[in-house]
Amino acid sequence: MRNSIYTLVLLFLFTGINAQEYSKLINEADKLYESKDYKMSADLYSKAFKMESKNPNHLYNGACASSLAGNTEKAFKWLNLAIDNGWTNLKHLSSDTDLENLHSKKEWEKTTAKLEKKLKLMEANYNKPLQTELLAIFEEDQKYRIQMNEIQKKFGPESKEMQDLWKITNQTDSVNLLKVKKILDENGWVGKEKVGAQANSTLFLVIQHADLETQKKYLPMMKEAVTRGNASPGSLALLIDRIEIREGRKQIYGSQIGTNPNNKAFYVLPLADPDNVDKRRAEVGLAPISGYVKNWNLTWDVEKYKSELPELEKLNK
């Protein structure tokens, strides 16, 4: 169910109590999905969608929960709403095992055909040369990073092999950054309607790997792009967190993970208001922090984190 950073997540268009309740329901639905209670997860998505049903990421995730709960009718309803509201990741849709229950239904072919038709219409308006350039940069950005986990496991994080891999990765990042800065300066933060979702995500990936001054320079441009639907609010949250940490402040969304120099253990870098982090994450389309930190084999315990926070802050001074 979980979607990569390449998927555009729309901002909420409503505020106040409704937005808070919606975020709470989505957050709880995500947690129930993670604990494999798919029926209860789908029930909470249903309650949330009675309040608001515009976020394609949430609608898609609700469809996944419903599919796994055996409610194919509701799964197709939410899947089609997701497509109507901007879901475009056909590759993910086709390979997602959460939706295998739907493949034998006649509605499946209609749904995939609907998305294929929508994509063809969208692609007719693409800036093909720019899309091609951005996709090539994307491949270069990811080419060496996808090797890191395997190399680290095999040789260790401080090994010569890892150092060599980081060296070539940093060299590649420098070249990619020059290309992306030129694109941004000449074209602005081009949206997925001009280059497609993956090419659009390249802009964030490269800026996220850039130096602090570059990140600060293009932060206002990305914020404006989010308001126009040309960048993901979830990706913007990650960039904001990175800048906050780099400038010695606490992060907001809990996306930045550090390594304790004393014991080499991973930990969530200093975070503001840990009690409400999931509410903030839900507002930008990010999954609960408990699931996110599992990528580093961490268990989220907010009370324990708050007690350790003063010591964690000392590590980052």
C-alpha atoms as a PDB file:
ATOM      1  CA  MET A   1       0.000   0.000   0.000  1.00  0.00           C
ATOM      2  CA  ARG A   2       2.633   2.557   0.968  1.00  0.00           C
ATOM      3  CA  ASN A   3       3.558   4.814  -1.874  1.00  0.00           C
ATOM      4  CA  SER A   4       6.921   6.161  -2.842  1.00  0.00           C
ATOM      5  CA  ILE A   5       7.929   9.766  -2.928  1.00  0.00           C
ATOM      6  CA  TYR A   6       7.199   9.794  -6.637  1.00  0.00           C
ATOM      7  CA  THR A   7       3.463   9.955  -5.980  1.00  0.00           C
ATOM      8  CA  LEU A   8       1.925  13.438  -5.803  1.00  0.00           C
ATOM      9  CA  VAL A   9      -0.024  14.028  -2.595  1.00  0.00           C
ATOM     10  CA  LEU A  10      -2.543  16.891  -2.673  1.00  0.00           C
ATOM     11  CA  LEU A  11      -2.858  19.405   0.124  1.00  0.00           C
ATOM     12  CA  PHE A  12      -5.996  19.506   2.195  1.00  0.00           C
ATOM     13  CA  LEU A  13      -8.452  22.146   1.022  1.00  0.00           C
ATOM     14  CA  PHE A  14     -10.301  22.395   4.309  1.00  0.00           C
ATOM     15  CA  THR A  15      -9.170  23.591   7.711  1.00  0.00           C
ATOM     16  CA  GLY A  16     -10.046  23.723  11.396  1.00  0.00           C
ATOM     17  CA  ILE A  17     -11.737  20.970  13.367  1.00  0.00           C
ATOM     18  CA  ASN A  18     -12.673  18.951  10.271  1.00  0.00           C
ATOM     19  CA  ALA A  19      -9.064  18.851   9.107  1.00  0.00           C
ATOM     20  CA  GLN A  20      -7.877  17.711  12.527  1.00  0.00           C
ATOM     21  CA  GLU A  21     -10.514  14.988  12.748  1.00  0.00           C
ATOM     22  CA  TYR A  22      -9.775  13.879   9.188  1.00  0.00           C
ATOM     23  CA  SER A  23      -6.050  13.667   9.941  1.00  0.00           C
ATOM     24  CA  LYS A  24      -6.753  11.674  13.093  1.00  0.00           C
ATOM     25  CA  LEU A  25      -8.935   9.174  11.209  1.00  0.00           C
ATOM     26  CA  ILE A  26      -6.374   8.752   8.419  1.00  0.00           C
ATOM     27  CA  ASN A  27      -3.611   8.309  10.969  1.00  0.00           C
ATOM     28  CA  GLU A  28      -5.550   5.602  12.840  1.00  0.00           C
ATOM     29  CA  ALA A  29      -6.521   3.904   9.577  1.00  0.00           C
ATOM     30  CA  ASP A  30      -2.843   3.751   8.594  1.00  0.00           C
ATOM     31  CA  LYS A  31      -1.896   2.212  11.935  1.00  0.00           C
ATOM     32  CA  LEU A  32      -4.638  -0.424  11.652  1.00  0.00           C
ATOM     33  CA  TYR A  33      -3.423  -1.259   8.152  1.00  0.00           C
ATOM     34  CA  GLU A  34       0.108  -1.732   9.494  1.00  0.00           C
ATOM     35  CA  SER A  35      -1.222  -4.078  12.190  1.00  0.00           C
ATOM     36  CA  LYS A  36      -3.127  -5.990   9.469  1.00  0.00           C
ATOM     37  CA  ASP A  37      -6.584  -5.111  10.831  1.00  0.00           C
ATOM     38  CA  TYR A  38      -7.796  -4.307   7.334  1.00  0.00           C
ATOM     39  CA  LYS A  39     -11.535  -4.215   8.052  1.00  0.00           C
ATOM     40  CA  MET A  40     -11.218  -1.662  10.850  1.00  0.00           C
ATOM     41  CA  SER A  41      -8.728   0.284   8.741  1.00  0.00           C
ATOM     42  CA  ALA A  42     -11.210   0.444   5.855  1.00  0.00           C
ATOM     43  CA  ASP A  43     -13.996   1.490   8.238  1.00  0.00           C
ATOM     44  CA  LEU A  44     -11.953   4.459   9.446  1.00  0.00           C
ATOM     45  CA  TYR A  45     -11.025   5.440   5.892  1.00  0.00           C
ATOM     46  CA  SER A  46     -14.754   5.373   5.123  1.00  0.00           C
ATOM     47  CA  LYS A  47     -15.476   7.767   7.992  1.00  0.00           C
ATOM     48  CA  ALA A  48     -12.689  10.078   6.827  1.00  0.00           C
ATOM     49  CA  PHE A  49     -13.882  10.082   3.216  1.00  0.00           C
ATOM     50  CA  LYS A  50     -17.362  11.156   4.310  1.00  0.00           C
ATOM     51  CA  MET A  51     -15.657  14.354   5.472  1.00  0.00           C
ATOM     52  CA  GLU A  52     -13.293  14.760   2.507  1.00  0.00           C
ATOM     53  CA  SER A  53     -12.472  12.593  -0.498  1.00  0.00           C
ATOM     54  CA  LYS A  54      -9.980  14.587  -2.565  1.00  0.00           C
ATOM     55  CA  ASN A  55      -6.567  13.248  -1.549  1.00  0.00           C
ATOM     56  CA  PRO A  56      -5.552  10.591  -4.125  1.00  0.00           C
ATOM     57  CA  ASN A  57      -2.920   9.065  -1.873  1.00  0.00           C
ATOM     58  CA  HIS A  58      -5.380   8.488   0.961  1.00  0.00           C
ATOM     59  CA  LEU A  59      -8.057   7.219  -1.419  1.00  0.00           C
ATOM     60  CA  TYR A  60      -5.614   4.751  -2.930  1.00  0.00           C
ATOM     61  CA  ASN A  61      -4.538   3.535   0.507  1.00  0.00           C
ATOM     62  CA  GLY A  62      -8.181   3.150   1.494  1.00  0.00           C
ATOM     63  CA  ALA A  63      -8.765   1.055  -1.612  1.00  0.00           C
ATOM     64  CA  CYS A  64      -5.858  -1.179  -0.599  1.00  0.00           C
ATOM     65  CA  ALA A  65      -7.290  -1.694   2.891  1.00  0.00           C
ATOM     66  CA  SER A  66     -10.734  -2.457   1.462  1.00  0.00           C
ATOM     67  CA  SER A  67      -9.304  -4.922  -1.030  1.00  0.00           C
ATOM     68  CA  LEU A  68      -7.467  -6.778   1.722  1.00  0.00           C
ATOM     69  CA  ALA A  69     -10.632  -6.715   3.846  1.00  0.00           C
ATOM     70  CA  GLY A  70     -12.542  -8.370   1.004  1.00  0.00           C
ATOM     71  CA  ASN A  71     -14.754  -5.380   0.191  1.00  0.00           C
ATOM     72  CA  THR A  72     -14.017  -5.163  -3.524  1.00  0.00           C
ATOM     73  CA  GLU A  73     -16.939  -2.848  -4.284  1.00  0.00           C
ATOM     74  CA  LYS A  74     -15.639  -0.155  -1.967  1.00  0.00           C
ATOM     75  CA  ALA A  75     -12.065  -0.779  -3.125  1.00  0.00           C
ATOM     76  CA  PHE A  76     -13.018  -0.041  -6.739  1.00  0.00           C
ATOM     77  CA  LYS A  77     -15.018   3.013  -5.684  1.00  0.00           C
ATOM     78  CA  TRP A  78     -12.045   4.541  -3.869  1.00  0.00           C
ATOM     79  CA  LEU A  79      -9.582   3.463  -6.536  1.00  0.00           C
ATOM     80  CA  ASN A  80     -11.592   5.267  -9.198  1.00  0.00           C
ATOM     81  CA  LEU A  81     -11.900   8.335  -6.977  1.00  0.00           C
ATOM     82  CA  ALA A  82      -8.124   8.274  -6.519  1.00  0.00           C
ATOM     83  CA  ILE A  83      -7.660   8.267 -10.297  1.00  0.00           C
ATOM     84  CA  ASP A  84     -10.213  11.066 -10.713  1.00  0.00           C
ATOM     85  CA  ASN A  85      -8.303  13.147  -8.169  1.00  0.00           C
ATOM     86  CA  GLY A  86      -4.821  12.730  -9.610  1.00  0.00           C
ATOM     87  CA  TRP A  87      -3.519   9.202  -9.013  1.00  0.00           C
ATOM     88  CA  THR A  88      -1.311   8.366 -12.008  1.00  0.00           C
ATOM     89  CA  ASN A  89       1.111   5.629 -10.942  1.00  0.00           C
ATOM     90  CA  LEU A  90       0.044   2.837 -13.298  1.00  0.00           C
ATOM     91  CA  LYS A  91       3.157   0.760 -12.598  1.00  0.00           C
ATOM     92  CA  HIS A  92       2.484   0.748  -8.853  1.00  0.00           C
ATOM     93  CA  LEU A  93      -1.201   0.027  -9.393  1.00  0.00           C
ATOM     94  CA  SER A  94      -0.430  -2.964 -11.599  1.00  0.00           C
ATOM     95  CA  SER A  95       2.145  -4.506  -9.260  1.00  0.00           C
ATOM     96  CA  ASP A  96       0.586  -3.757  -5.853  1.00  0.00           C
ATOM     97  CA  THR A  97      -0.153  -7.092  -4.155  1.00  0.00           C
ATOM     98  CA  ASP A  98      -2.731  -5.376  -1.930  1.00  0.00           C
ATOM     99  CA  LEU A  99      -4.997  -5.181  -4.970  1.00  0.00           C
ATOM    100  CA  GLU A 100      -4.662  -8.773  -6.174  1.00  0.00           C
ATOM    101  CA  ASN A 101      -8.199  -9.486  -4.927  1.00  0.00           C
ATOM    102  CA  LEU A 102      -9.452  -7.109  -7.610  1.00  0.00           C
ATOM    103  CA  HIS A 103      -7.640  -8.593 -10.598  1.00  0.00           C
ATOM    104  CA  SER A 104     -10.272 -11.253 -11.312  1.00  0.00           C
ATOM    105  CA  LYS A 105     -13.138  -8.741 -11.329  1.00  0.00           C
ATOM    106  CA  LYS A 106     -14.413  -7.240 -14.567  1.00  0.00           C
ATOM    107  CA  GLU A 107     -14.070  -3.765 -13.050  1.00  0.00           C
ATOM    108  CA  TRP A 108     -10.279  -4.221 -12.880  1.00  0.00           C
ATOM    109  CA  GLU A 109      -9.817  -4.047 -16.628  1.00  0.00           C
ATOM    110  CA  LYS A 110     -12.110  -1.017 -16.811  1.00  0.00           C
ATOM    111  CA  THR A 111     -10.195   0.737 -14.036  1.00  0.00           C
ATOM    112  CA  THR A 112      -6.747   0.139 -15.504  1.00  0.00           C
ATOM    113  CA  ALA A 113      -8.006   1.124 -18.969  1.00  0.00           C
ATOM    114  CA  LYS A 114      -9.381   4.338 -17.475  1.00  0.00           C
ATOM    115  CA  LEU A 115      -5.985   5.205 -16.012  1.00  0.00           C
ATOM    116  CA  GLU A 116      -4.151   4.283 -19.223  1.00  0.00           C
ATOM    117  CA  LYS A 117      -6.451   6.572 -21.213  1.00  0.00           C
ATOM    118  CA  LYS A 118      -5.933   9.390 -18.739  1.00  0.00           C
ATOM    119  CA  LEU A 119      -2.160   8.982 -18.920  1.00  0.00           C
ATOM    120  CA  LYS A 120      -2.173   9.094 -22.732  1.00  0.00           C
ATOM    121  CA  LEU A 121      -4.097  12.361 -22.669  1.00  0.00           C
ATOM    122  CA  MET A 122      -1.689  13.788 -20.113  1.00  0.00           C
ATOM    123  CA  GLU A 123       1.415  12.658 -21.972  1.00  0.00           C
ATOM    124  CA  ALA A 124       0.246  14.402 -25.133  1.00  0.00           C
ATOM    125  CA  ASN A 125       1.005  17.706 -23.387  1.00  0.00           C
ATOM    126  CA  TYR A 126       4.383  16.704 -21.955  1.00  0.00           C
ATOM    127  CA  ASN A 127       7.570  18.614 -22.627  1.00  0.00           C
ATOM    128  CA  LYS A 128       9.283  15.497 -23.956  1.00  0.00           C
ATOM    129  CA  PRO A 129      12.885  16.810 -24.104  1.00  0.00           C
ATOM    130  CA  LEU A 130      12.658  18.094 -20.525  1.00  0.00           C
ATOM    131  CA  GLN A 131      11.030  14.877 -19.339  1.00  0.00           C
ATOM    132  CA  THR A 132      13.784  12.817 -20.955  1.00  0.00           C
ATOM    133  CA  GLU A 133      16.476  14.952 -19.321  1.00  0.00           C
ATOM    134  CA  LEU A 134      14.884  14.715 -15.875  1.00  0.00           C
ATOM    135  CA  LEU A 135      14.373  10.954 -16.129  1.00  0.00           C
ATOM    136  CA  ALA A 136      18.037  10.541 -17.030  1.00  0.00           C
ATOM    137  CA  ILE A 137      19.012  12.621 -13.981  1.00  0.00           C
ATOM    138  CA  PHE A 138      16.689  10.493 -11.852  1.00  0.00           C
ATOM    139  CA  GLU A 139      18.438   7.321 -12.978  1.00  0.00           C
ATOM    140  CA  GLU A 140      21.831   8.819 -12.173  1.00  0.00           C
ATOM    141  CA  ASP A 141      20.626   9.987  -8.760  1.00  0.00           C
ATOM    142  CA  GLN A 142      19.367   6.539  -7.802  1.00  0.00           C
ATOM    143  CA  LYS A 143      21.904   4.323  -9.570  1.00  0.00           C
ATOM    144  CA  TYR A 144      24.498   4.277  -6.810  1.00  0.00           C
ATOM    145  CA  ARG A 145      22.148   4.819  -3.860  1.00  0.00           C
ATOM    146  CA  ILE A 146      20.282   1.578  -4.513  1.00  0.00           C
ATOM    147  CA  GLN A 147      23.599  -0.250  -4.089  1.00  0.00           C
ATOM    148  CA  MET A 148      24.337   1.235  -0.672  1.00  0.00           C
ATOM    149  CA  ASN A 149      22.294  -1.071   1.522  1.00  0.00           C
ATOM    150  CA  GLU A 150      23.813  -4.190  -0.018  1.00  0.00           C
ATOM    151  CA  ILE A 151      27.375  -2.824   0.048  1.00  0.00           C
ATOM    152  CA  GLN A 152      26.997  -1.687   3.654  1.00  0.00           C
ATOM    153  CA  LYS A 153      25.696  -5.079   4.763  1.00  0.00           C
ATOM    154  CA  LYS A 154      28.478  -6.879   2.914  1.00  0.00           C
ATOM    155  CA  PHE A 155      31.461  -4.688   3.792  1.00  0.00           C
ATOM    156  CA  GLY A 156      30.312  -2.409   6.639  1.00  0.00           C
ATOM    157  CA  PRO A 157      29.465   1.322   6.831  1.00  0.00           C
ATOM    158  CA  GLU A 158      33.099   2.416   7.308  1.00  0.00           C
ATOM    159  CA  SER A 159      34.565   0.123   4.636  1.00  0.00           C
ATOM    160  CA  LYS A 160      36.626   1.281   1.664  1.00  0.00           C
ATOM    161  CA  GLU A 161      33.878  -0.039  -0.607  1.00  0.00           C
ATOM    162  CA  MET A 162      31.313   2.246   1.044  1.00  0.00           C
ATOM    163  CA  GLN A 163      33.685   5.204   0.967  1.00  0.00           C
ATOM    164  CA  ASP A 164      34.302   4.646  -2.748  1.00  0.00           C
ATOM    165  CA  LEU A 165      30.565   4.377  -3.397  1.00  0.00           C
ATOM    166  CA  TRP A 166      29.885   7.597  -1.509  1.00  0.00           C
ATOM    167  CA  LYS A 167      32.647   9.352  -3.435  1.00  0.00           C
ATOM    168  CA  ILE A 168      31.143   8.528  -6.822  1.00  0.00           C
ATOM    169  CA  THR A 169      27.644   9.296  -5.503  1.00  0.00           C
ATOM    170  CA  ASN A 170      28.733  12.755  -4.359  1.00  0.00           C
ATOM    171  CA  GLN A 171      30.429  13.416  -7.692  1.00  0.00           C
ATOM    172  CA  THR A 172      27.253  12.413  -9.511  1.00  0.00           C
ATOM    173  CA  ASP A 173      25.168  14.626  -7.208  1.00  0.00           C
ATOM    174  CA  SER A 174      27.335  17.631  -8.074  1.00  0.00           C
ATOM    175  CA  VAL A 175      26.791  17.125 -11.794  1.00  0.00           C
ATOM    176  CA  ASN A 176      23.061  16.515 -11.344  1.00  0.00           C
ATOM    177  CA  LEU A 177      22.695  19.627  -9.199  1.00  0.00           C
ATOM    178  CA  LEU A 178      24.134  21.856 -11.912  1.00  0.00           C
ATOM    179  CA  LYS A 179      21.623  20.430 -14.385  1.00  0.00           C
ATOM    180  CA  VAL A 180      18.636  20.764 -12.051  1.00  0.00           C
ATOM    181  CA  LYS A 181      19.510  24.318 -10.988  1.00  0.00           C
ATOM    182  CA  LYS A 182      19.576  25.293 -14.660  1.00  0.00           C
ATOM    183  CA  ILE A 183      16.183  23.639 -15.200  1.00  0.00           C
ATOM    184  CA  LEU A 184      14.668  25.377 -12.162  1.00  0.00           C
ATOM    185  CA  ASP A 185      16.104  28.769 -13.065  1.00  0.00           C
ATOM    186  CA  GLU A 186      14.840  28.525 -16.650  1.00  0.00           C
ATOM    187  CA  ASN A 187      11.538  26.676 -16.202  1.00  0.00           C
ATOM    188  CA  GLY A 188      10.552  26.968 -12.558  1.00  0.00           C
ATOM    189  CA  TRP A 189       9.351  23.927 -10.605  1.00  0.00           C
ATOM    190  CA  VAL A 190       7.683  22.124 -13.496  1.00  0.00           C
ATOM    191  CA  GLY A 191       4.718  19.982 -12.504  1.00  0.00           C
ATOM    192  CA  LYS A 192       3.866  16.424 -13.393  1.00  0.00           C
ATOM    193  CA  GLU A 193       1.372  17.632 -16.005  1.00  0.00           C
ATOM    194  CA  LYS A 194       4.384  18.847 -18.005  1.00  0.00           C
ATOM    195  CA  VAL A 195       6.902  16.052 -17.414  1.00  0.00           C
ATOM    196  CA  GLY A 196       5.160  13.217 -15.565  1.00  0.00           C
ATOM    197  CA  ALA A 197       5.280  12.247 -11.891  1.00  0.00           C
ATOM    198  CA  GLN A 198       8.679  10.552 -11.823  1.00  0.00           C
ATOM    199  CA  ALA A 199      10.463  13.286 -13.760  1.00  0.00           C
ATOM    200  CA  ASN A 200       8.792  15.875 -11.526  1.00  0.00           C
ATOM    201  CA  SER A 201      10.051  14.063  -8.407  1.00  0.00           C
ATOM    202  CA  THR A 202      13.616  14.359  -9.724  1.00  0.00           C
ATOM    203  CA  LEU A 203      13.647  18.049  -8.837  1.00  0.00           C
ATOM    204  CA  PHE A 204      13.034  17.283  -5.169  1.00  0.00           C
ATOM    205  CA  LEU A 205      15.466  14.369  -5.050  1.00  0.00           C
ATOM    206  CA  VAL A 206      18.371  16.417  -6.337  1.00  0.00           C
ATOM    207  CA  ILE A 207      17.622  19.458  -4.153  1.00  0.00           C
ATOM    208  CA  GLN A 208      17.231  17.171  -1.124  1.00  0.00           C
ATOM    209  CA  HIS A 209      20.795  15.952  -1.729  1.00  0.00           C
ATOM    210  CA  ALA A 210      22.174  19.469  -2.256  1.00  0.00           C
ATOM    211  CA  ASP A 211      24.103  21.791   0.055  1.00  0.00           C
ATOM    212  CA  LEU A 212      22.234  23.896   2.615  1.00  0.00           C
ATOM    213  CA  GLU A 213      22.447  27.212   0.748  1.00  0.00           C
ATOM    214  CA  THR A 214      20.996  25.636  -2.388  1.00  0.00           C
ATOM    215  CA  GLN A 215      18.184  24.064  -0.383  1.00  0.00           C
ATOM    216  CA  LYS A 216      17.336  27.414   1.211  1.00  0.00           C
ATOM    217  CA  LYS A 217      17.443  29.146  -2.168  1.00  0.00           C
ATOM    218  CA  TYR A 218      14.884  26.833  -3.768  1.00  0.00           C
ATOM    219  CA  LEU A 219      12.689  26.263  -0.702  1.00  0.00           C
ATOM    220  CA  PRO A 220      10.353  29.204  -1.528  1.00  0.00           C
ATOM    221  CA  MET A 221      10.033  27.932  -5.101  1.00  0.00           C
ATOM    222  CA  MET A 222       9.063  24.476  -3.854  1.00  0.00           C
ATOM    223  CA  LYS A 223       6.558  25.933  -1.379  1.00  0.00           C
ATOM    224  CA  GLU A 224       4.922  27.835  -4.215  1.00  0.00           C
ATOM    225  CA  ALA A 225       4.966  24.676  -6.344  1.00  0.00           C
ATOM    226  CA  VAL A 226       3.090  22.795  -3.611  1.00  0.00           C
ATOM    227  CA  THR A 227       0.332  25.420  -3.580  1.00  0.00           C
ATOM    228  CA  ARG A 228      -0.043  24.930  -7.341  1.00  0.00           C
ATOM    229  CA  GLY A 229       0.028  21.139  -7.157  1.00  0.00           C
ATOM    230  CA  ASN A 230       3.427  20.956  -8.855  1.00  0.00           C
ATOM    231  CA  ALA A 231       5.261  19.421  -5.881  1.00  0.00           C
ATOM    232  CA  SER A 232       4.363  17.003  -3.113  1.00  0.00           C
ATOM    233  CA  PRO A 233       3.691  18.438   0.356  1.00  0.00           C
ATOM    234  CA  GLY A 234       5.224  15.266   1.791  1.00  0.00           C
ATOM    235  CA  SER A 235       8.448  15.915  -0.094  1.00  0.00           C
ATOM    236  CA  LEU A 236       8.402  19.547   0.998  1.00  0.00           C
ATOM    237  CA  ALA A 237       8.120  18.350   4.600  1.00  0.00           C
ATOM    238  CA  LEU A 238      11.282  16.275   4.173  1.00  0.00           C
ATOM    239  CA  LEU A 239      13.161  19.260   2.759  1.00  0.00           C
ATOM    240  CA  ILE A 240      11.976  21.510   5.585  1.00  0.00           C
ATOM    241  CA  ASP A 241      13.111  18.941   8.146  1.00  0.00           C
ATOM    242  CA  ARG A 242      16.526  18.673   6.559  1.00  0.00           C
ATOM    243  CA  ILE A 243      17.007  22.441   6.571  1.00  0.00           C
ATOM    244  CA  GLU A 244      15.827  22.733  10.180  1.00  0.00           C
ATOM    245  CA  ILE A 245      18.291  20.095  11.356  1.00  0.00           C
ATOM    246  CA  ARG A 246      21.143  21.549   9.334  1.00  0.00           C
ATOM    247  CA  GLU A 247      20.551  24.962  10.889  1.00  0.00           C
ATOM    248  CA  GLY A 248      20.550  23.561  14.416  1.00  0.00           C
ATOM    249  CA  ARG A 249      16.810  23.576  15.033  1.00  0.00           C
ATOM    250  CA  LYS A 250      14.394  20.740  15.760  1.00  0.00           C
ATOM    251  CA  GLN A 251      12.741  19.043  12.822  1.00  0.00           C
ATOM    252  CA  ILE A 252       8.964  19.168  12.416  1.00  0.00           C
ATOM    253  CA  TYR A 253       7.912  15.917  10.742  1.00  0.00           C
ATOM    254  CA  GLY A 254      10.432  13.414  12.109  1.00  0.00           C
ATOM    255  CA  SER A 255      11.836  12.461   8.723  1.00  0.00           C
ATOM    256  CA  GLN A 256      15.529  12.871   9.536  1.00  0.00           C
ATOM    257  CA  ILE A 257      17.361   9.949  11.114  1.00  0.00           C
ATOM    258  CA  GLY A 258      20.821  10.186  12.672  1.00  0.00           C
ATOM    259  CA  THR A 259      23.472   7.783  13.927  1.00  0.00           C
ATOM    260  CA  ASN A 260      24.661   7.985  17.520  1.00  0.00           C
ATOM    261  CA  PRO A 261      28.480   8.336  17.315  1.00  0.00           C
ATOM    262  CA  ASN A 262      28.858   6.560  20.650  1.00  0.00           C
ATOM    263  CA  ASN A 263      27.089   3.309  19.784  1.00  0.00           C
ATOM    264  CA  LYS A 264      26.328   3.656  16.037  1.00  0.00           C
ATOM    265  CA  ALA A 265      22.601   3.219  16.769  1.00  0.00           C
ATOM    266  CA  PHE A 266      20.015   4.998  14.632  1.00  0.00           C
ATOM    267  CA  TYR A 267      17.718   7.561  16.249  1.00  0.00           C
ATOM    268  CA  VAL A 268      15.181  10.207  15.256  1.00  0.00           C
ATOM    269  CA  LEU A 269      17.009  13.527  15.165  1.00  0.00           C
ATOM    270  CA  PRO A 270      15.656  16.199  17.565  1.00  0.00           C
ATOM    271  CA  LEU A 271      11.953  16.663  16.942  1.00  0.00           C
ATOM    272  CA  ALA A 272       9.629  19.475  18.010  1.00  0.00           C
ATOM    273  CA  ASP A 273       6.384  18.557  19.794  1.00  0.00           C
ATOM    274  CA  PRO A 274       6.729  14.758  19.460  1.00  0.00           C
ATOM    275  CA  ASP A 275       3.198  14.185  20.817  1.00  0.00           C
ATOM    276  CA  ASN A 276       1.624  15.677  17.688  1.00  0.00           C
ATOM    277  CA  VAL A 277       4.073  14.530  15.029  1.00  0.00           C
ATOM    278  CA  ASP A 278       1.618  12.074  13.459  1.00  0.00           C
ATOM    279  CA  LYS A 279      -0.985  14.811  13.096  1.00  0.00           C
ATOM    280  CA  ARG A 280       1.539  16.962  11.239  1.00  0.00           C
ATOM    281  CA  ARG A 281       2.664  14.019   9.116  1.00  0.00           C
ATOM    282  CA  ALA A 282      -0.915  13.166   8.159  1.00  0.00           C
ATOM    283  CA  GLU A 283      -1.536  16.751   7.073  1.00  0.00           C
ATOM    284  CA  VAL A 284       1.153  16.409   4.396  1.00  0.00           C
ATOM    285  CA  GLY A 285       0.337  12.846   3.394  1.00  0.00           C
ATOM    286  CA  LEU A 286       3.086  11.099   5.349  1.00  0.00           C
ATOM    287  CA  ALA A 287       2.451   7.783   7.099  1.00  0.00           C
ATOM    288  CA  PRO A 288       2.671   7.533  10.914  1.00  0.00           C
ATOM    289  CA  ILE A 289       6.160   7.830  12.327  1.00  0.00           C
ATOM    290  CA  SER A 290       5.874   4.394  13.968  1.00  0.00           C
ATOM    291  CA  GLY A 291       5.870   2.756  10.554  1.00  0.00           C
ATOM    292  CA  TYR A 292       8.443   5.128   9.075  1.00  0.00           C
ATOM    293  CA  VAL A 293      11.135   4.436  11.690  1.00  0.00           C
ATOM    294  CA  LYS A 294      10.799   0.686  11.176  1.00  0.00           C
ATOM    295  CA  ASN A 295      12.929   1.234   8.070  1.00  0.00           C
ATOM    296  CA  TRP A 296      15.812   1.666  10.527  1.00  0.00           C
ATOM    297  CA  ASN A 297      14.611  -1.125  12.841  1.00  0.00           C
ATOM    298  CA  LEU A 298      13.443   1.436  15.384  1.00  0.00           C
ATOM    299  CA  THR A 299      10.372   1.255  17.607  1.00  0.00           C
ATOM    300  CA  TRP A 300       8.589   4.542  18.212  1.00  0.00           C
ATOM    301  CA  ASP A 301       7.808   5.220  21.867  1.00  0.00           C
ATOM    302  CA  VAL A 302       6.911   8.875  22.273  1.00  0.00           C
ATOM    303  CA  GLU A 303       7.337   8.969  26.060  1.00  0.00           C
ATOM    304  CA  LYS A 304      10.739   7.318  25.870  1.00  0.00           C
ATOM    305  CA  TYR A 305      11.745   9.670  23.048  1.00  0.00           C
ATOM    306  CA  LYS A 306      10.767  12.742  25.068  1.00  0.00           C
ATOM    307  CA  SER A 307      12.809  11.539  28.024  1.00  0.00           C
ATOM    308  CA  GLU A 308      15.846  11.003  25.779  1.00  0.00           C
ATOM    309  CA  LEU A 309      15.437  14.227  23.803  1.00  0.00           C
ATOM    310  CA  PRO A 310      17.755  16.415  25.939  1.00  0.00           C
ATOM    311  CA  GLU A 311      20.604  13.951  25.377  1.00  0.00           C
ATOM    312  CA  LEU A 312      19.790  13.661  21.676  1.00  0.00           C
ATOM    313  CA  GLU A 313      19.958  17.433  21.334  1.00  0.00           C
ATOM    314  CA  LYS A 314      23.464  17.402  22.815  1.00  0.00           C
ATOM    315  CA  LEU A 315      24.570  14.979  20.083  1.00  0.00           C
ATOM    316  CA  ASN A 316      23.603  17.510  17.421  1.00  0.00           C
ATOM    317  CA  LYS A 317      25.238  20.628  18.824  1.00  0.00           C
END
